[in-house]
């Protein structure tokens, strides 16, 4: 009996050593929360960040292997140089030239979002990629097929082993790795941020634009994230072809008709075309919409019931302020670029 206990003890010791060895090269990383920013909504305890998980997610983000015909990646619609969205067409494009029904949202500061997609149809960052992967107008693939393709790849066997301790590929691990990459896409070093940290100063025109922004825009585009993370009807006339009702598609509540997620204004200079349908081409036209072209409907945001009054000089100053939200460091950060 004593001999058996010795064997059990040795076996347990070996298992502990193996476990320690499998994790010894996993490097924890952390999302730094800027001073005076709110607490992130993302629950990091359920998906602890590691450098190896981040790099796996980075490779998956840029790899078209996750689409049915291996032609479309996440980066096809979310380019770093344009704030992780696309600018070459109004609506997202998928495999075989298929055209989607909405403009792609910028992927930025996702740790602070409670809901995802224009209609909030997803409330978990780890589940968000399922929509584009399985959408017939985008990647038109099945998760089990993606897993099978990754299992046949020597490259991904090595990457999954580094991230999770063994080469087993599962849909859960796939989604967690993608989340580890996208949750790190933080933009917090624009001129605006430097001014807030007293490292820079606005020009007179930018300061005037900032005051106009706070008076006319900040109720929905709330600092410092420049989004309330809510759903609003911004007075955009419904497209007769798309017939997109927005949030009502998810809630089935008439009060949510024509309400869409308030997008962040960070890097807004780079993320044209604007609105959920990509129907507004530039920022000057956005200001024209809010001052002259509001579509009246029962669910119109209460902030827009009263007409926004801006003269041409004020519009120019407001545009100058919006350009201070461009984060050059973010759009050029080599950690977010295509892995070499």
Protein backbone atom coordinates (compact mmCIF):
# COMPACT_ATOMS: atom_id res chain seq x y z
CA UNK A 1 0.00 0.00 0.00
CA UNK A 2 2.82 2.35 0.86
CA UNK A 3 4.37 1.58 -2.55
CA UNK A 4 1.14 2.63 -4.29
CA UNK A 5 1.15 5.93 -2.44
CA UNK A 6 4.68 6.55 -3.63
CA UNK A 7 3.57 5.98 -7.23
CA UNK A 8 0.58 8.29 -6.79
CA UNK A 9 2.81 10.97 -5.33
CA UNK A 10 5.33 10.68 -8.16
CA UNK A 11 2.54 10.75 -10.78
CA UNK A 12 1.00 13.85 -9.23
CA UNK A 13 4.42 15.52 -9.13
CA UNK A 14 4.99 14.72 -12.82
CA UNK A 15 1.58 16.16 -13.72
CA UNK A 16 2.34 19.38 -11.85
CA UNK A 17 5.70 19.70 -13.58
CA UNK A 18 4.10 19.12 -16.98
CA UNK A 19 1.43 21.71 -16.26
CA UNK A 20 4.02 24.23 -15.16
CA UNK A 21 6.16 23.48 -18.21
CA UNK A 22 3.23 23.91 -20.62
CA UNK A 23 2.52 27.37 -19.22
CA UNK A 24 6.02 28.62 -18.54
CA UNK A 25 6.32 30.33 -21.92
CA UNK A 26 2.90 32.02 -21.76
CA UNK A 27 3.42 35.73 -21.23
CA UNK A 28 0.59 37.70 -19.60
CA UNK A 29 -0.25 41.06 -21.15
CA UNK A 30 -2.65 43.73 -19.98
CA UNK A 31 -4.84 46.41 -21.47
CA UNK A 32 -3.77 49.68 -19.91
CA UNK A 33 -6.79 51.82 -19.01
CA UNK A 34 -6.05 55.52 -19.57
CA UNK A 35 -6.47 57.87 -16.64
CA UNK A 36 -10.04 59.17 -16.23
CA UNK A 37 -11.47 56.55 -18.59
CA UNK A 38 -14.34 54.35 -17.36
CA UNK A 39 -13.81 50.75 -16.35
CA UNK A 40 -13.91 48.36 -19.34
CA UNK A 41 -17.00 46.20 -19.78
CA UNK A 42 -15.00 43.24 -21.05
CA UNK A 43 -14.46 40.51 -18.47
CA UNK A 44 -10.76 39.71 -18.74
CA UNK A 45 -11.02 37.06 -16.01
CA UNK A 46 -12.84 34.77 -18.48
CA UNK A 47 -10.20 35.21 -21.18
CA UNK A 48 -6.85 36.22 -19.60
CA UNK A 49 -4.68 38.00 -22.13
CA UNK A 50 -1.34 36.52 -23.15
CA UNK A 51 1.15 37.52 -25.79
CA UNK A 52 0.76 34.10 -27.38
CA UNK A 53 -3.04 34.38 -27.49
CA UNK A 54 -2.77 37.89 -28.92
CA UNK A 55 -0.41 36.72 -31.68
CA UNK A 56 -2.70 33.80 -32.53
CA UNK A 57 -5.63 36.19 -32.77
CA UNK A 58 -3.57 38.59 -34.87
CA UNK A 59 -2.77 35.84 -37.37
CA UNK A 60 -6.40 34.74 -37.51
CA UNK A 61 -7.58 38.33 -38.01
CA UNK A 62 -5.48 38.72 -41.15
CA UNK A 63 -5.98 35.20 -42.54
CA UNK A 64 -8.67 34.57 -45.20
CA UNK A 65 -8.68 30.91 -44.16
CA UNK A 66 -11.73 31.71 -42.02
CA UNK A 67 -13.87 32.36 -45.13
CA UNK A 68 -15.42 29.61 -47.25
CA UNK A 69 -13.25 30.18 -50.32
CA UNK A 70 -10.19 31.51 -48.46
CA UNK A 71 -10.47 35.00 -49.96
CA UNK A 72 -11.89 37.24 -47.20
CA UNK A 73 -10.32 37.97 -43.82
CA UNK A 74 -11.42 40.20 -40.96
CA UNK A 75 -8.90 42.74 -42.23
CA UNK A 76 -10.63 42.85 -45.62
CA UNK A 77 -13.26 45.12 -44.05
CA UNK A 78 -11.22 46.41 -41.11
CA UNK A 79 -7.98 48.04 -42.30
CA UNK A 80 -5.60 49.50 -39.74
CA UNK A 81 -4.71 52.56 -41.81
CA UNK A 82 -8.36 53.59 -41.95
CA UNK A 83 -9.12 53.07 -38.27
CA UNK A 84 -9.98 49.37 -38.70
CA UNK A 85 -12.86 49.87 -41.08
CA UNK A 86 -13.09 50.09 -44.88
CA UNK A 87 -13.32 53.21 -47.05
CA UNK A 88 -13.48 51.92 -50.61
CA UNK A 89 -17.21 51.15 -50.69
CA UNK A 90 -20.44 52.02 -48.89
CA UNK A 91 -21.39 48.50 -47.79
CA UNK A 92 -19.22 45.60 -46.70
CA UNK A 93 -18.14 43.18 -49.43
CA UNK A 94 -17.87 39.44 -48.98
CA UNK A 95 -16.73 36.40 -50.93
CA UNK A 96 -17.43 36.21 -54.68
CA UNK A 97 -18.09 39.95 -54.73
CA UNK A 98 -21.22 39.67 -52.60
CA UNK A 99 -22.40 42.95 -51.12
CA UNK A 100 -23.59 43.19 -47.53
CA UNK A 101 -26.34 45.34 -46.09
CA UNK A 102 -24.34 47.67 -43.82
CA UNK A 103 -21.18 49.74 -43.64
CA UNK A 104 -18.55 48.20 -41.37
CA UNK A 105 -18.05 49.68 -37.93
CA UNK A 106 -14.56 50.69 -36.82
CA UNK A 107 -12.95 48.19 -34.46
CA UNK A 108 -11.58 50.37 -31.69
CA UNK A 109 -11.80 50.49 -27.90
CA UNK A 110 -14.00 47.39 -27.94
CA UNK A 111 -13.24 46.60 -24.29
CA UNK A 112 -15.61 49.43 -23.38
CA UNK A 113 -18.53 48.24 -25.54
CA UNK A 114 -21.48 46.35 -24.14
CA UNK A 115 -23.09 45.62 -27.51
CA UNK A 116 -21.71 45.02 -30.98
CA UNK A 117 -22.95 45.43 -34.55
CA UNK A 118 -25.08 48.37 -35.70
CA UNK A 119 -28.18 46.81 -34.15
CA UNK A 120 -26.56 45.40 -31.00
CA UNK A 121 -27.32 41.86 -32.10
CA UNK A 122 -24.23 40.58 -30.25
CA UNK A 123 -23.42 41.39 -26.62
CA UNK A 124 -20.20 39.43 -26.21
CA UNK A 125 -16.95 40.30 -27.98
CA UNK A 126 -15.96 36.65 -28.19
CA UNK A 127 -19.17 35.82 -30.05
CA UNK A 128 -18.99 38.77 -32.45
CA UNK A 129 -16.87 37.05 -35.16
CA UNK A 130 -19.49 34.33 -35.60
CA UNK A 131 -21.72 36.77 -37.46
CA UNK A 132 -19.33 37.69 -40.29
CA UNK A 133 -17.89 34.17 -40.49
CA UNK A 134 -21.30 32.57 -41.00
CA UNK A 135 -23.04 35.42 -42.84
CA UNK A 136 -23.67 34.27 -46.46
CA UNK A 137 -22.94 37.80 -47.72
CA UNK A 138 -19.59 37.98 -45.94
CA UNK A 139 -17.46 34.89 -45.26
CA UNK A 140 -20.21 32.29 -45.79
CA UNK A 141 -18.42 29.67 -43.73
CA UNK A 142 -19.19 27.34 -40.84
CA UNK A 143 -17.16 27.32 -37.64
CA UNK A 144 -16.61 23.58 -37.83
CA UNK A 145 -15.08 24.00 -41.30
CA UNK A 146 -12.77 26.74 -40.04
CA UNK A 147 -11.66 24.49 -37.17
CA UNK A 148 -10.99 21.63 -39.60
CA UNK A 149 -8.87 23.85 -41.86
CA UNK A 150 -6.86 25.16 -38.93
CA UNK A 151 -6.32 21.64 -37.62
CA UNK A 152 -4.62 20.73 -40.90
CA UNK A 153 -2.25 23.69 -40.68
CA UNK A 154 1.20 23.14 -39.17
CA UNK A 155 1.44 26.90 -38.62
CA UNK A 156 -1.70 26.98 -36.51
CA UNK A 157 -0.81 23.80 -34.65
CA UNK A 158 2.25 25.66 -33.40
CA UNK A 159 0.35 28.88 -32.66
CA UNK A 160 -2.42 27.10 -30.73
CA UNK A 161 0.20 25.16 -28.77
CA UNK A 162 1.95 28.39 -27.82
CA UNK A 163 -1.31 30.02 -26.77
CA UNK A 164 -3.12 27.15 -25.08
CA UNK A 165 -0.52 24.50 -24.22
CA UNK A 166 -1.46 21.98 -26.92
CA UNK A 167 -2.26 21.97 -30.63
CA UNK A 168 -5.98 21.24 -30.21
CA UNK A 169 -8.10 23.65 -32.28
CA UNK A 170 -11.61 24.40 -31.05
CA UNK A 171 -14.12 27.08 -31.96
CA UNK A 172 -13.95 28.40 -28.39
CA UNK A 173 -10.18 28.82 -28.57
CA UNK A 174 -10.51 30.41 -32.02
CA UNK A 175 -13.00 32.99 -30.76
CA UNK A 176 -11.05 33.69 -27.57
CA UNK A 177 -7.87 34.32 -29.55
CA UNK A 178 -9.62 36.72 -31.94
CA UNK A 179 -11.01 38.56 -28.91
CA UNK A 180 -7.53 38.80 -27.38
CA UNK A 181 -6.36 40.64 -30.49
CA UNK A 182 -9.36 42.91 -31.05
CA UNK A 183 -9.78 43.88 -27.39
CA UNK A 184 -6.27 45.35 -27.51
CA UNK A 185 -7.17 47.75 -30.35
CA UNK A 186 -7.10 50.79 -28.11
CA UNK A 187 -6.93 54.33 -29.46
CA UNK A 188 -6.04 56.90 -26.80
CA UNK A 189 -3.19 59.04 -28.07
CA UNK A 190 -4.71 61.57 -30.47
CA UNK A 191 -4.05 65.29 -30.21
CA UNK A 192 -7.28 65.50 -28.20
CA UNK A 193 -5.87 63.02 -25.68
CA UNK A 194 -2.59 64.92 -25.44
CA UNK A 195 -4.51 68.14 -24.78
CA UNK A 196 -6.51 66.42 -22.05
CA UNK A 197 -3.23 65.24 -20.52
CA UNK A 198 -1.85 68.80 -20.84
CA UNK A 199 0.86 67.63 -23.23
CA UNK A 200 -0.42 69.82 -26.08
CA UNK A 201 -2.85 72.68 -26.70
CA UNK A 202 -5.65 73.21 -29.20
CA UNK A 203 -5.42 76.00 -31.72
CA UNK A 204 -8.00 78.75 -31.26
CA UNK A 205 -10.13 77.23 -34.02
CA UNK A 206 -9.87 73.72 -32.56
CA UNK A 207 -10.85 75.03 -29.12
CA UNK A 208 -13.87 76.77 -30.64
CA UNK A 209 -14.74 73.51 -32.36
CA UNK A 210 -14.41 71.64 -29.08
CA UNK A 211 -16.86 74.01 -27.39
CA UNK A 212 -19.30 73.57 -30.28
CA UNK A 213 -18.87 69.81 -30.02
CA UNK A 214 -19.69 69.80 -26.32
CA UNK A 215 -22.77 71.95 -26.95
CA UNK A 216 -24.14 70.01 -29.93
CA UNK A 217 -22.68 66.51 -30.15
CA UNK A 218 -21.41 65.26 -26.79
CA UNK A 219 -24.77 63.99 -25.51
CA UNK A 220 -24.47 61.04 -27.91
CA UNK A 221 -20.74 61.03 -28.65
CA UNK A 222 -19.68 61.08 -25.02
CA UNK A 223 -16.07 61.70 -24.02
CA UNK A 224 -13.59 60.09 -23.70
CA UNK A 225 -14.80 57.21 -25.88
CA UNK A 226 -16.87 59.54 -28.09
CA UNK A 227 -19.79 57.15 -28.02
CA UNK A 228 -22.57 56.67 -25.50
CA UNK A 229 -22.69 52.98 -26.49
CA UNK A 230 -26.44 53.46 -26.89
CA UNK A 231 -28.79 53.22 -29.84
CA UNK A 232 -30.25 56.36 -31.39
CA UNK A 233 -32.28 57.45 -34.40
CA UNK A 234 -30.05 60.14 -35.91
CA UNK A 235 -32.55 61.38 -38.47
CA UNK A 236 -31.13 59.54 -41.47
CA UNK A 237 -33.80 58.89 -44.07
CA UNK A 238 -34.42 55.14 -44.45
CA UNK A 239 -32.96 53.59 -47.59
CA UNK A 240 -35.78 52.40 -49.85
CA UNK A 241 -33.73 49.40 -51.00
CA UNK A 242 -32.07 48.26 -47.77
CA UNK A 243 -35.16 48.93 -45.63
CA UNK A 244 -33.00 48.62 -42.52
CA UNK A 245 -34.98 49.19 -39.32
CA UNK A 246 -31.94 48.93 -37.06
CA UNK A 247 -32.35 47.90 -33.43
CA UNK A 248 -35.98 46.86 -33.92
CA UNK A 249 -34.72 43.80 -35.79
CA UNK A 250 -33.30 42.53 -32.48
CA UNK A 251 -35.80 43.76 -29.89
CA UNK A 252 -39.01 43.70 -31.98
CA UNK A 253 -39.91 46.85 -30.08
CA UNK A 254 -41.37 49.68 -32.19
CA UNK A 255 -39.55 52.20 -30.00
CA UNK A 256 -36.29 50.89 -31.47
CA UNK A 257 -37.27 51.52 -35.08
CA UNK A 258 -34.46 53.27 -37.01
CA UNK A 259 -32.20 53.23 -33.97
CA UNK A 260 -28.59 52.26 -34.54
CA UNK A 261 -25.52 52.03 -32.34
CA UNK A 262 -23.83 55.38 -31.78
CA UNK A 263 -20.41 54.92 -33.41
CA UNK A 264 -17.26 56.32 -31.89
CA UNK A 265 -15.86 59.50 -33.41
CA UNK A 266 -12.29 58.48 -32.69
CA UNK A 267 -10.32 58.51 -35.95
CA UNK A 268 -13.50 59.76 -37.64
CA UNK A 269 -11.45 61.66 -40.23
CA UNK A 270 -10.28 58.28 -41.61
CA UNK A 271 -13.41 56.13 -41.37
CA UNK A 272 -15.60 57.46 -44.19
CA UNK A 273 -18.13 56.79 -45.64
CA UNK A 274 -20.41 57.44 -42.69
CA UNK A 275 -23.66 56.09 -41.22
CA UNK A 276 -24.82 52.48 -41.07
CA UNK A 277 -25.45 52.43 -44.82
CA UNK A 278 -22.34 54.36 -45.84
CA UNK A 279 -24.54 56.94 -47.54
CA UNK A 280 -22.64 60.06 -46.43
CA UNK A 281 -19.26 60.48 -48.08
CA UNK A 282 -17.43 63.08 -45.98
CA UNK A 283 -17.58 65.00 -42.71
CA UNK A 284 -18.82 68.21 -44.33
CA UNK A 285 -21.85 66.27 -45.60
CA UNK A 286 -22.34 64.81 -42.12
CA UNK A 287 -22.65 68.35 -40.72
CA UNK A 288 -25.06 69.24 -43.53
CA UNK A 289 -27.18 66.26 -42.51
CA UNK A 290 -27.38 67.35 -38.88
CA UNK A 291 -28.10 71.01 -39.66
CA UNK A 292 -30.29 70.78 -42.76
CA UNK A 293 -31.42 67.24 -43.56
CA UNK A 294 -32.90 65.56 -40.47
CA UNK A 295 -35.66 63.08 -41.31
CA UNK A 296 -38.52 63.45 -38.87
CA UNK A 297 -39.90 60.21 -37.44
CA UNK A 298 -41.53 59.10 -34.15
CA UNK A 299 -38.30 57.61 -32.76
CA UNK A 300 -36.01 60.52 -33.67
CA UNK A 301 -33.43 61.11 -30.95
CA UNK A 302 -34.67 63.81 -28.58
CA UNK A 303 -31.33 65.58 -28.95
CA UNK A 304 -32.15 66.23 -32.61
CA UNK A 305 -35.72 67.47 -32.27
CA UNK A 306 -34.42 71.03 -32.04
CA UNK A 307 -32.57 72.03 -35.20
CA UNK A 308 -28.81 72.35 -34.89
CA UNK A 309 -27.73 75.86 -35.88
CA UNK A 310 -24.17 76.26 -37.18
CA UNK A 311 -22.76 78.88 -39.54
CA UNK A 312 -20.00 78.07 -42.01
CA UNK A 313 -17.19 79.23 -39.73
CA UNK A 314 -18.55 77.15 -36.85
CA UNK A 315 -18.79 74.11 -39.11
CA UNK A 316 -15.16 74.63 -40.11
CA UNK A 317 -14.05 74.86 -36.50
CA UNK A 318 -16.01 71.76 -35.57
CA UNK A 319 -14.35 69.84 -38.40
CA UNK A 320 -10.94 70.98 -37.18
CA UNK A 321 -11.74 69.65 -33.72
CA UNK A 322 -12.91 66.30 -35.10
CA UNK A 323 -9.56 65.93 -36.84
CA UNK A 324 -7.84 66.14 -33.45
CA UNK A 325 -9.37 62.72 -32.72
CA UNK A 326 -7.07 61.07 -35.27
CA UNK A 327 -4.58 58.81 -33.49
CA UNK A 328 -1.53 58.43 -35.72
CA UNK A 329 0.16 56.09 -33.26
CA UNK A 330 -2.85 53.75 -33.34
CA UNK A 331 -3.12 53.49 -37.12
CA UNK A 332 0.62 52.86 -37.45
CA UNK A 333 1.19 50.64 -34.43
CA UNK A 334 3.28 47.67 -35.71
CA UNK A 335 1.67 45.33 -33.15
CA UNK A 336 -1.62 45.65 -35.00
CA UNK A 337 -0.20 45.22 -38.49
CA UNK A 338 -0.22 42.15 -40.69
CA UNK A 339 2.07 39.57 -39.02
CA UNK A 340 5.31 39.04 -40.92
